[in-house]
Amino acid sequence: MSRQDFEDTSRYRPLAELPALALESGSVDVRGWPVMTAAAERVGVVQDLLVDVDHLRAEYLVVDPDRQTVAGLSPTELAVVPIASARLDRVTRQVLIAERPVADAPPAVPYIRVRYRSTNHITWMAAALAAAALGLAWLLGMFNG
C-alpha cells in the first residue's frame, strides 16, 4: 500500500484520533513497543495503530523510526508497517519484522481488533446538552404555552 492510499482515503485512521474506539478485550496494545529486525537491530518504536474504520481492525503499525538506525528520514517522517508482516512477541514486548519478507511464513497476527467504547458517557452528555438547551429556551421565553 502506498503513501497515496493513506492520504486519499478516510478508511485508515490513527487509533489516537478515534476516541470512540478501543482495543478489543484480549488484543495486545503494542504502542510503545520497540520494533526489531531478525538481526536484533532496533528500527524504531510503535507510535500508533492505523485502523481500518470500515472493518474495525488495526492493520498497520505507525512506527517512529530510530534515526540512528534508519538513514535518510526527515525528523518528522514516520514508517508504516503492515501488522500481517510482523511478529508480536508478548514475552519480550517487541515487534519483530523481517529484513526481507518471507513469502511462506503465515502471519502470527493479521490484525488487531478494535471495538467501540461504551457509549454511556456519550448518551449522558447528549441528554445533559438537550436539557440545557430546553432550559435556555424556556428562560428566553421560546415556550409560551
N, C-alpha and C. Protein backbone atom coordinates (compact mmCIF):
# COMPACT_ATOMS: atom_id res chain seq x y z
N MET A 1 0.85 -1.17 0.00
CA MET A 1 0.00 0.00 0.00
C MET A 1 0.90 1.24 0.00
N SER A 2 0.59 2.17 -0.84
CA SER A 2 1.42 3.36 -0.97
C SER A 2 0.97 4.46 -0.02
N ARG A 3 1.82 5.46 0.12
CA ARG A 3 1.50 6.62 0.96
C ARG A 3 0.23 7.30 0.45
N GLN A 4 0.06 7.32 -0.89
CA GLN A 4 -1.11 7.93 -1.50
C GLN A 4 -2.40 7.27 -1.01
N ASP A 5 -2.37 5.94 -0.83
CA ASP A 5 -3.55 5.23 -0.36
C ASP A 5 -4.00 5.73 1.01
N PHE A 6 -3.05 6.06 1.88
CA PHE A 6 -3.40 6.53 3.21
C PHE A 6 -3.87 7.99 3.19
N GLU A 7 -3.32 8.78 2.27
CA GLU A 7 -3.67 10.20 2.23
C GLU A 7 -5.00 10.46 1.54
N ASP A 8 -5.38 9.60 0.60
CA ASP A 8 -6.58 9.84 -0.20
C ASP A 8 -7.84 9.23 0.36
N THR A 9 -7.78 8.56 1.47
CA THR A 9 -8.95 7.88 1.99
C THR A 9 -9.10 8.11 3.48
N SER A 10 -10.33 8.09 3.91
CA SER A 10 -10.55 8.18 5.35
C SER A 10 -10.76 6.79 5.94
N ARG A 11 -10.52 5.76 5.13
CA ARG A 11 -10.69 4.39 5.61
C ARG A 11 -9.70 4.06 6.72
N TYR A 12 -8.48 4.53 6.61
CA TYR A 12 -7.45 4.27 7.62
C TYR A 12 -7.22 5.52 8.45
N ARG A 13 -7.37 5.37 9.76
CA ARG A 13 -7.19 6.49 10.67
C ARG A 13 -6.34 6.04 11.85
N PRO A 14 -5.50 6.91 12.39
CA PRO A 14 -4.75 6.55 13.60
C PRO A 14 -5.70 6.32 14.77
N LEU A 15 -5.43 5.29 15.55
CA LEU A 15 -6.28 4.98 16.70
C LEU A 15 -6.34 6.16 17.67
N ALA A 16 -5.25 6.91 17.78
CA ALA A 16 -5.22 8.07 18.68
C ALA A 16 -6.25 9.13 18.29
N GLU A 17 -6.66 9.15 17.02
CA GLU A 17 -7.65 10.12 16.54
C GLU A 17 -9.07 9.59 16.62
N LEU A 18 -9.25 8.40 17.16
CA LEU A 18 -10.56 7.77 17.23
C LEU A 18 -10.93 7.48 18.68
N PRO A 19 -11.32 8.50 19.44
CA PRO A 19 -11.58 8.29 20.87
C PRO A 19 -12.74 7.36 21.16
N ALA A 20 -13.61 7.12 20.19
CA ALA A 20 -14.74 6.22 20.41
C ALA A 20 -14.34 4.75 20.28
N LEU A 21 -13.11 4.49 19.82
CA LEU A 21 -12.65 3.11 19.64
C LEU A 21 -11.61 2.74 20.69
N ALA A 22 -11.58 1.47 21.03
CA ALA A 22 -10.59 0.93 21.96
C ALA A 22 -10.20 -0.45 21.46
N LEU A 23 -9.08 -0.97 21.95
CA LEU A 23 -8.68 -2.31 21.59
C LEU A 23 -9.67 -3.30 22.16
N GLU A 24 -9.96 -4.33 21.39
CA GLU A 24 -10.89 -5.36 21.86
C GLU A 24 -10.24 -6.14 23.00
N SER A 25 -11.04 -6.64 23.89
CA SER A 25 -10.54 -7.43 25.02
C SER A 25 -9.69 -8.59 24.50
N GLY A 26 -8.51 -8.74 25.06
CA GLY A 26 -7.60 -9.80 24.63
C GLY A 26 -6.62 -9.37 23.55
N SER A 27 -6.86 -8.21 22.93
CA SER A 27 -5.92 -7.71 21.93
C SER A 27 -4.71 -7.09 22.61
N VAL A 28 -3.59 -7.16 21.96
CA VAL A 28 -2.35 -6.65 22.52
C VAL A 28 -2.15 -5.19 22.10
N ASP A 29 -1.90 -4.33 23.07
CA ASP A 29 -1.59 -2.93 22.77
C ASP A 29 -0.08 -2.82 22.60
N VAL A 30 0.36 -2.67 21.36
CA VAL A 30 1.79 -2.66 21.06
C VAL A 30 2.36 -1.25 21.00
N ARG A 31 1.54 -0.24 21.27
CA ARG A 31 2.06 1.13 21.25
C ARG A 31 3.13 1.27 22.33
N GLY A 32 4.26 1.81 21.92
CA GLY A 32 5.40 1.95 22.83
C GLY A 32 6.38 0.79 22.74
N TRP A 33 6.02 -0.28 22.04
CA TRP A 33 6.92 -1.42 21.90
C TRP A 33 8.02 -1.11 20.89
N PRO A 34 9.24 -1.57 21.13
CA PRO A 34 10.30 -1.41 20.13
C PRO A 34 10.06 -2.32 18.94
N VAL A 35 10.48 -1.87 17.77
CA VAL A 35 10.40 -2.66 16.55
C VAL A 35 11.81 -3.12 16.23
N MET A 36 11.97 -4.44 16.13
CA MET A 36 13.29 -5.05 15.96
C MET A 36 13.33 -5.88 14.68
N THR A 37 14.51 -5.95 14.07
CA THR A 37 14.70 -6.84 12.92
C THR A 37 15.08 -8.23 13.44
N ALA A 38 15.12 -9.18 12.52
CA ALA A 38 15.53 -10.54 12.89
C ALA A 38 16.97 -10.57 13.39
N ALA A 39 17.76 -9.58 12.99
CA ALA A 39 19.16 -9.49 13.43
C ALA A 39 19.29 -8.70 14.73
N ALA A 40 18.17 -8.52 15.44
CA ALA A 40 18.13 -7.81 16.73
C ALA A 40 18.55 -6.35 16.62
N GLU A 41 18.28 -5.74 15.48
CA GLU A 41 18.57 -4.33 15.28
C GLU A 41 17.29 -3.53 15.52
N ARG A 42 17.36 -2.56 16.40
CA ARG A 42 16.19 -1.73 16.71
C ARG A 42 15.98 -0.73 15.58
N VAL A 43 14.76 -0.72 15.00
CA VAL A 43 14.48 0.20 13.92
C VAL A 43 13.52 1.31 14.31
N GLY A 44 12.92 1.21 15.49
CA GLY A 44 12.03 2.26 15.94
C GLY A 44 11.10 1.78 17.04
N VAL A 45 10.07 2.60 17.29
CA VAL A 45 9.09 2.32 18.34
C VAL A 45 7.70 2.53 17.74
N VAL A 46 6.77 1.63 18.09
CA VAL A 46 5.39 1.76 17.61
C VAL A 46 4.77 2.98 18.28
N GLN A 47 4.35 3.93 17.46
CA GLN A 47 3.75 5.16 17.96
C GLN A 47 2.23 5.06 18.01
N ASP A 48 1.65 4.40 17.00
CA ASP A 48 0.19 4.31 16.93
C ASP A 48 -0.19 3.15 16.03
N LEU A 49 -1.49 2.92 15.90
CA LEU A 49 -2.02 1.88 15.03
C LEU A 49 -2.92 2.55 14.00
N LEU A 50 -2.82 2.12 12.73
CA LEU A 50 -3.73 2.62 11.71
C LEU A 50 -4.91 1.66 11.65
N VAL A 51 -6.09 2.19 11.87
CA VAL A 51 -7.31 1.39 11.96
C VAL A 51 -8.08 1.47 10.65
N ASP A 52 -8.49 0.32 10.14
CA ASP A 52 -9.43 0.25 9.03
C ASP A 52 -10.80 0.47 9.66
N VAL A 53 -11.33 1.67 9.52
CA VAL A 53 -12.57 2.02 10.22
C VAL A 53 -13.78 1.30 9.63
N ASP A 54 -13.68 0.81 8.40
CA ASP A 54 -14.78 0.05 7.81
C ASP A 54 -14.93 -1.33 8.44
N HIS A 55 -13.80 -1.93 8.84
CA HIS A 55 -13.81 -3.29 9.37
C HIS A 55 -13.45 -3.36 10.86
N LEU A 56 -13.22 -2.21 11.48
CA LEU A 56 -12.88 -2.12 12.91
C LEU A 56 -11.71 -3.03 13.27
N ARG A 57 -10.59 -2.81 12.59
CA ARG A 57 -9.38 -3.55 12.93
C ARG A 57 -8.15 -2.71 12.56
N ALA A 58 -7.15 -2.82 13.41
CA ALA A 58 -5.88 -2.14 13.15
C ALA A 58 -5.06 -3.04 12.25
N GLU A 59 -4.68 -2.54 11.08
CA GLU A 59 -3.95 -3.35 10.11
C GLU A 59 -2.50 -2.91 9.94
N TYR A 60 -2.16 -1.72 10.43
CA TYR A 60 -0.81 -1.19 10.24
C TYR A 60 -0.29 -0.59 11.53
N LEU A 61 1.00 -0.69 11.71
CA LEU A 61 1.69 -0.05 12.83
C LEU A 61 2.29 1.26 12.32
N VAL A 62 2.12 2.32 13.07
CA VAL A 62 2.80 3.58 12.76
C VAL A 62 4.04 3.59 13.64
N VAL A 63 5.21 3.58 12.98
CA VAL A 63 6.48 3.43 13.69
C VAL A 63 7.27 4.73 13.61
N ASP A 64 7.73 5.18 14.77
CA ASP A 64 8.66 6.31 14.84
C ASP A 64 10.05 5.71 14.69
N PRO A 65 10.69 5.89 13.51
CA PRO A 65 11.96 5.21 13.26
C PRO A 65 13.10 5.76 14.10
N ASP A 66 14.02 4.88 14.42
CA ASP A 66 15.25 5.26 15.12
C ASP A 66 16.15 5.93 14.08
N ARG A 67 16.37 7.22 14.22
CA ARG A 67 17.11 8.00 13.22
C ARG A 67 18.57 7.55 13.08
N GLN A 68 19.12 6.91 14.12
CA GLN A 68 20.50 6.42 14.04
C GLN A 68 20.58 5.13 13.23
N THR A 69 19.51 4.35 13.22
CA THR A 69 19.50 3.08 12.50
C THR A 69 18.97 3.23 11.09
N VAL A 70 17.90 4.01 10.93
CA VAL A 70 17.25 4.18 9.63
C VAL A 70 17.68 5.52 9.06
N ALA A 71 18.52 5.48 8.04
CA ALA A 71 19.07 6.71 7.46
C ALA A 71 18.13 7.30 6.42
N GLY A 72 18.27 8.59 6.20
CA GLY A 72 17.58 9.27 5.11
C GLY A 72 16.17 9.72 5.41
N LEU A 73 15.76 9.73 6.67
CA LEU A 73 14.41 10.18 7.01
C LEU A 73 14.46 11.56 7.64
N SER A 74 13.42 12.33 7.35
CA SER A 74 13.33 13.64 7.99
C SER A 74 12.93 13.44 9.46
N PRO A 75 13.13 14.45 10.31
CA PRO A 75 12.80 14.30 11.73
C PRO A 75 11.32 14.03 12.01
N THR A 76 10.44 14.38 11.07
CA THR A 76 9.01 14.18 11.32
C THR A 76 8.44 12.98 10.57
N GLU A 77 9.25 12.30 9.77
CA GLU A 77 8.75 11.18 8.97
C GLU A 77 8.54 9.93 9.82
N LEU A 78 7.41 9.26 9.57
CA LEU A 78 7.07 8.03 10.27
C LEU A 78 7.01 6.90 9.25
N ALA A 79 7.15 5.66 9.73
CA ALA A 79 7.07 4.49 8.87
C ALA A 79 5.77 3.76 9.15
N VAL A 80 5.24 3.09 8.14
CA VAL A 80 4.02 2.29 8.28
C VAL A 80 4.39 0.85 7.98
N VAL A 81 4.09 -0.04 8.93
CA VAL A 81 4.42 -1.46 8.81
C VAL A 81 3.13 -2.27 8.89
N PRO A 82 2.86 -3.13 7.89
CA PRO A 82 1.67 -3.98 7.99
C PRO A 82 1.80 -4.95 9.17
N ILE A 83 0.77 -5.03 9.98
CA ILE A 83 0.80 -5.93 11.13
C ILE A 83 0.96 -7.37 10.65
N ALA A 84 0.41 -7.69 9.49
CA ALA A 84 0.49 -9.05 8.97
C ALA A 84 1.92 -9.48 8.66
N SER A 85 2.82 -8.51 8.46
CA SER A 85 4.21 -8.86 8.15
C SER A 85 5.09 -8.84 9.40
N ALA A 86 4.48 -8.62 10.55
CA ALA A 86 5.24 -8.52 11.80
C ALA A 86 4.89 -9.67 12.73
N ARG A 87 5.76 -9.92 13.68
CA ARG A 87 5.51 -10.89 14.75
C ARG A 87 5.46 -10.10 16.06
N LEU A 88 4.44 -10.35 16.85
CA LEU A 88 4.30 -9.67 18.13
C LEU A 88 4.79 -10.62 19.22
N ASP A 89 5.92 -10.29 19.83
CA ASP A 89 6.49 -11.13 20.89
C ASP A 89 5.99 -10.61 22.23
N ARG A 90 5.01 -11.32 22.79
CA ARG A 90 4.40 -10.88 24.05
C ARG A 90 5.33 -11.04 25.24
N VAL A 91 6.28 -11.95 25.14
CA VAL A 91 7.21 -12.19 26.25
C VAL A 91 8.19 -11.02 26.38
N THR A 92 8.83 -10.66 25.27
CA THR A 92 9.81 -9.57 25.30
C THR A 92 9.19 -8.21 25.02
N ARG A 93 7.89 -8.21 24.69
CA ARG A 93 7.16 -6.98 24.36
C ARG A 93 7.86 -6.21 23.25
N GLN A 94 8.10 -6.95 22.15
CA GLN A 94 8.74 -6.37 20.96
C GLN A 94 7.95 -6.76 19.72
N VAL A 95 8.04 -5.89 18.71
CA VAL A 95 7.50 -6.20 17.39
C VAL A 95 8.70 -6.62 16.55
N LEU A 96 8.61 -7.80 15.97
CA LEU A 96 9.71 -8.34 15.16
C LEU A 96 9.32 -8.27 13.69
N ILE A 97 10.23 -7.70 12.89
CA ILE A 97 9.98 -7.63 11.46
C ILE A 97 11.15 -8.28 10.74
N ALA A 98 10.86 -8.85 9.58
CA ALA A 98 11.91 -9.47 8.76
C ALA A 98 12.57 -8.38 7.93
N GLU A 99 13.84 -8.57 7.68
CA GLU A 99 14.52 -7.61 6.81
C GLU A 99 14.05 -7.80 5.37
N ARG A 100 13.72 -9.04 5.03
CA ARG A 100 13.13 -9.36 3.73
C ARG A 100 11.87 -10.16 4.01
N PRO A 101 10.77 -9.85 3.35
CA PRO A 101 9.55 -10.62 3.58
C PRO A 101 9.74 -12.09 3.26
N VAL A 102 9.18 -12.94 4.09
CA VAL A 102 9.23 -14.37 3.86
C VAL A 102 7.86 -14.78 3.35
N ALA A 103 7.79 -15.20 2.08
CA ALA A 103 6.51 -15.44 1.43
C ALA A 103 5.72 -16.58 2.05
N ASP A 104 6.40 -17.62 2.54
CA ASP A 104 5.66 -18.78 3.02
C ASP A 104 5.39 -18.76 4.52
N ALA A 105 5.76 -17.68 5.21
CA ALA A 105 5.53 -17.60 6.65
C ALA A 105 4.19 -16.94 6.91
N PRO A 106 3.25 -17.68 7.49
CA PRO A 106 1.94 -17.06 7.78
C PRO A 106 2.08 -16.05 8.91
N PRO A 107 1.30 -14.99 8.89
CA PRO A 107 1.40 -14.00 9.96
C PRO A 107 0.85 -14.57 11.26
N ALA A 108 1.51 -14.22 12.36
CA ALA A 108 1.03 -14.65 13.67
C ALA A 108 -0.24 -13.91 14.02
N VAL A 109 -0.30 -12.63 13.69
CA VAL A 109 -1.48 -11.79 13.97
C VAL A 109 -1.74 -10.96 12.72
N PRO A 110 -2.79 -11.27 11.94
CA PRO A 110 -3.03 -10.49 10.72
C PRO A 110 -3.51 -9.07 10.98
N TYR A 111 -4.14 -8.85 12.15
CA TYR A 111 -4.60 -7.52 12.52
C TYR A 111 -4.95 -7.54 14.00
N ILE A 112 -5.18 -6.36 14.55
CA ILE A 112 -5.58 -6.22 15.95
C ILE A 112 -7.00 -5.67 15.95
N ARG A 113 -7.90 -6.37 16.59
CA ARG A 113 -9.30 -5.96 16.63
C ARG A 113 -9.51 -4.76 17.54
N VAL A 114 -10.40 -3.86 17.12
CA VAL A 114 -10.82 -2.74 17.95
C VAL A 114 -12.34 -2.78 18.04
N ARG A 115 -12.88 -2.09 19.02
CA ARG A 115 -14.33 -2.05 19.23
C ARG A 115 -14.70 -0.64 19.65
N TYR A 116 -15.99 -0.35 19.59
CA TYR A 116 -16.46 0.93 20.09
C TYR A 116 -16.44 0.91 21.61
N ARG A 117 -16.02 2.01 22.20
CA ARG A 117 -16.07 2.15 23.65
C ARG A 117 -17.52 2.20 24.08
N SER A 118 -17.75 2.09 25.36
CA SER A 118 -19.09 2.22 25.91
C SER A 118 -19.64 3.58 25.54
N THR A 119 -20.89 3.60 25.13
CA THR A 119 -21.50 4.87 24.73
C THR A 119 -22.29 5.50 25.87
N ASN A 120 -22.21 4.94 27.07
CA ASN A 120 -22.97 5.50 28.20
C ASN A 120 -22.62 6.96 28.45
N HIS A 121 -21.31 7.29 28.43
CA HIS A 121 -20.93 8.67 28.71
C HIS A 121 -21.38 9.60 27.59
N ILE A 122 -21.44 9.11 26.37
CA ILE A 122 -21.91 9.93 25.24
C ILE A 122 -23.41 10.18 25.38
N THR A 123 -24.17 9.15 25.76
CA THR A 123 -25.61 9.28 25.94
C THR A 123 -25.93 10.29 27.03
N TRP A 124 -25.22 10.19 28.17
CA TRP A 124 -25.46 11.14 29.26
C TRP A 124 -25.09 12.56 28.86
N MET A 125 -24.02 12.72 28.09
CA MET A 125 -23.61 14.05 27.65
C MET A 125 -24.66 14.64 26.71
N ALA A 126 -25.20 13.84 25.81
CA ALA A 126 -26.23 14.32 24.89
C ALA A 126 -27.49 14.70 25.66
N ALA A 127 -27.87 13.90 26.64
CA ALA A 127 -29.06 14.22 27.45
C ALA A 127 -28.86 15.51 28.22
N ALA A 128 -27.67 15.70 28.78
CA ALA A 128 -27.39 16.93 29.53
C ALA A 128 -27.43 18.15 28.62
N LEU A 129 -26.88 18.04 27.41
CA LEU A 129 -26.91 19.15 26.47
C LEU A 129 -28.34 19.47 26.03
N ALA A 130 -29.14 18.43 25.81
CA ALA A 130 -30.54 18.65 25.41
C ALA A 130 -31.31 19.34 26.54
N ALA A 131 -31.10 18.90 27.77
CA ALA A 131 -31.77 19.53 28.92
C ALA A 131 -31.35 20.98 29.06
N ALA A 132 -30.07 21.26 28.87
CA ALA A 132 -29.58 22.63 28.97
C ALA A 132 -30.19 23.50 27.88
N ALA A 133 -30.32 22.96 26.66
CA ALA A 133 -30.91 23.71 25.56
C ALA A 133 -32.39 24.00 25.84
N LEU A 134 -33.11 23.02 26.37
CA LEU A 134 -34.52 23.26 26.71
C LEU A 134 -34.67 24.30 27.82
N GLY A 135 -33.80 24.21 28.81
CA GLY A 135 -33.83 25.18 29.90
C GLY A 135 -33.54 26.58 29.41
N LEU A 136 -32.58 26.73 28.52
CA LEU A 136 -32.24 28.03 27.95
C LEU A 136 -33.39 28.56 27.11
N ALA A 137 -34.01 27.68 26.33
CA ALA A 137 -35.15 28.10 25.51
C ALA A 137 -36.31 28.57 26.38
N TRP A 138 -36.56 27.87 27.48
CA TRP A 138 -37.63 28.27 28.40
C TRP A 138 -37.32 29.62 29.02
N LEU A 139 -36.04 29.82 29.44
CA LEU A 139 -35.65 31.10 30.04
C LEU A 139 -35.80 32.25 29.07
N LEU A 140 -35.55 32.00 27.81
CA LEU A 140 -35.65 33.04 26.81
C LEU A 140 -37.08 33.25 26.32
N GLY A 141 -38.00 32.49 26.86
CA GLY A 141 -39.40 32.68 26.53
C GLY A 141 -39.84 32.06 25.23
N MET A 142 -39.12 31.08 24.76
CA MET A 142 -39.48 30.47 23.50
C MET A 142 -40.68 29.54 23.62
N PHE A 143 -40.92 29.08 24.85
CA PHE A 143 -42.06 28.21 25.06
C PHE A 143 -43.13 29.02 25.79
N ASN A 144 -43.99 29.64 25.08
CA ASN A 144 -45.08 30.44 25.67
C ASN A 144 -46.35 29.61 25.62
N GLY A 145 -46.48 28.72 26.53
CA GLY A 145 -47.54 27.78 26.40
C GLY A 145 -48.68 27.95 27.22
